Protein backbone atom coordinates (compact mmCIF):
# COMPACT_ATOMS: atom_id res chain seq x y z
CA UNK A 1 -64.65 5.27 -14.39
CA UNK A 2 -67.13 2.00 -13.70
CA UNK A 3 -64.77 -0.63 -11.87
CA UNK A 4 -65.24 -2.96 -15.20
CA UNK A 5 -62.58 -0.19 -17.12
CA UNK A 6 -60.22 0.15 -13.74
CA UNK A 7 -60.04 -3.12 -14.74
CA UNK A 8 -59.34 -3.38 -17.80
CA UNK A 9 -56.62 0.05 -17.09
CA UNK A 10 -54.89 -1.75 -14.53
CA UNK A 11 -54.34 -5.37 -16.44
CA UNK A 12 -53.08 -2.93 -19.90
CA UNK A 13 -50.59 -1.07 -16.95
CA UNK A 14 -49.43 -3.93 -15.68
CA UNK A 15 -50.31 -3.43 -12.43
CA UNK A 16 -51.78 -5.03 -9.31
CA UNK A 17 -53.86 -2.90 -8.15
CA UNK A 18 -55.94 -0.02 -9.35
CA UNK A 19 -53.70 3.46 -9.13
CA UNK A 20 -54.91 6.47 -11.35
CA UNK A 21 -54.25 9.14 -8.88
CA UNK A 22 -56.95 12.39 -9.05
CA UNK A 23 -56.36 15.08 -11.27
CA UNK A 24 -56.29 17.50 -8.29
CA UNK A 25 -53.95 14.97 -6.24
CA UNK A 26 -51.03 15.94 -4.57
CA UNK A 27 -48.58 15.34 -2.21
CA UNK A 28 -48.54 11.47 -1.06
CA UNK A 29 -52.47 11.07 -2.90
CA UNK A 30 -50.73 11.74 -6.22
CA UNK A 31 -49.61 8.91 -7.84
CA UNK A 32 -47.22 7.82 -10.93
CA UNK A 33 -50.89 8.25 -13.75
CA UNK A 34 -52.48 10.90 -12.90
CA UNK A 35 -56.32 10.90 -14.83
CA UNK A 36 -56.08 13.83 -17.15
CA UNK A 37 -60.17 12.81 -18.06
CA UNK A 38 -61.53 9.72 -19.12
CA UNK A 39 -64.92 9.00 -21.88
CA UNK A 40 -67.44 6.62 -23.23
CA UNK A 41 -69.73 5.48 -25.96
CA UNK A 42 -71.22 2.18 -26.38
CA UNK A 43 -68.97 1.04 -28.03
CA UNK A 44 -65.16 2.30 -26.46
CA UNK A 45 -63.84 3.63 -23.76
CA UNK A 46 -60.93 5.45 -23.11
CA UNK A 47 -58.27 7.02 -20.31
CA UNK A 48 -55.75 10.01 -20.93
CA UNK A 49 -53.70 10.49 -18.23
CA UNK A 50 -50.36 11.96 -17.29
CA UNK A 51 -47.04 9.82 -16.42
CA UNK A 52 -43.94 11.84 -15.99
CA UNK A 53 -43.20 14.15 -18.79
CA UNK A 54 -46.10 12.18 -21.20
CA UNK A 55 -49.58 12.01 -21.35
CA UNK A 56 -51.18 8.48 -22.45
CA UNK A 57 -54.26 7.54 -24.12
CA UNK A 58 -55.54 3.58 -23.75
CA UNK A 59 -58.43 2.55 -25.76
CA UNK A 60 -60.59 0.12 -25.16
CA UNK A 61 -63.12 -1.48 -26.49
CA UNK A 62 -66.62 -2.56 -24.77
CA UNK A 63 -68.93 -5.24 -25.10
CA UNK A 64 -70.75 -5.17 -22.46
CA UNK A 65 -69.59 -5.28 -19.28
CA UNK A 66 -66.45 -6.05 -20.86
CA UNK A 67 -63.60 -4.09 -21.36
CA UNK A 68 -60.16 -5.29 -23.88
CA UNK A 69 -57.29 -2.95 -24.91
CA UNK A 70 -57.60 -1.95 -28.22
CA UNK A 71 -54.70 0.90 -28.56
CA UNK A 72 -52.67 3.13 -27.07
CA UNK A 73 -50.40 6.07 -27.38
CA UNK A 74 -47.76 8.30 -26.25
CA UNK A 75 -47.53 11.81 -26.12
CA UNK A 76 -46.53 15.30 -24.81
CA UNK A 77 -48.95 17.14 -25.20
CA UNK A 78 -52.57 16.76 -23.43
CA UNK A 79 -55.94 17.19 -24.48
CA UNK A 80 -58.33 19.60 -22.83
CA UNK A 81 -61.55 17.73 -23.68
CA UNK A 82 -62.74 15.15 -26.30
CA UNK A 83 -62.40 17.38 -29.46
CA UNK A 84 -59.13 18.30 -28.73
CA UNK A 85 -57.85 14.28 -27.66
CA UNK A 86 -58.87 13.49 -30.35
CA UNK A 87 -57.73 16.13 -33.27
CA UNK A 88 -54.17 15.60 -31.42
CA UNK A 89 -54.60 11.70 -32.06
CA UNK A 90 -55.43 12.38 -35.71
CA UNK A 91 -52.14 14.41 -36.36
CA UNK A 92 -50.54 12.40 -34.45
CA UNK A 93 -49.45 13.14 -31.97
CA UNK A 94 -49.66 10.12 -29.99
CA UNK A 95 -46.90 7.88 -30.81
CA UNK A 96 -47.85 4.27 -30.56
CA UNK A 97 -45.32 2.82 -32.63
CA UNK A 98 -42.94 1.30 -29.29
CA UNK A 99 -42.62 -1.28 -26.98
CA UNK A 100 -44.88 -1.89 -24.13
CA UNK A 101 -44.64 1.48 -21.73
CA UNK A 102 -47.90 1.74 -20.38
């Protein structure tokens, strides 16, 4: 994950430092937020992660090397790949009408 996307994620989640555990992390290496997977296209990037009992997805617009937060949703099911994640989002499996929770 590029450092610029890590910084945008850090800002969106209001963290002082980027903290997102590797999917295989356990024990003291596990953090509150655990990466499921992330992806990027020329225009957008996203981060799909688990936080407690929920799964979240944050989407960022990409302009050059800069990333701006544009959308986030919270759900209960994780996508196993990008296509499944798209289907879950399209089926409104991720709530985006709640106050800040990232």
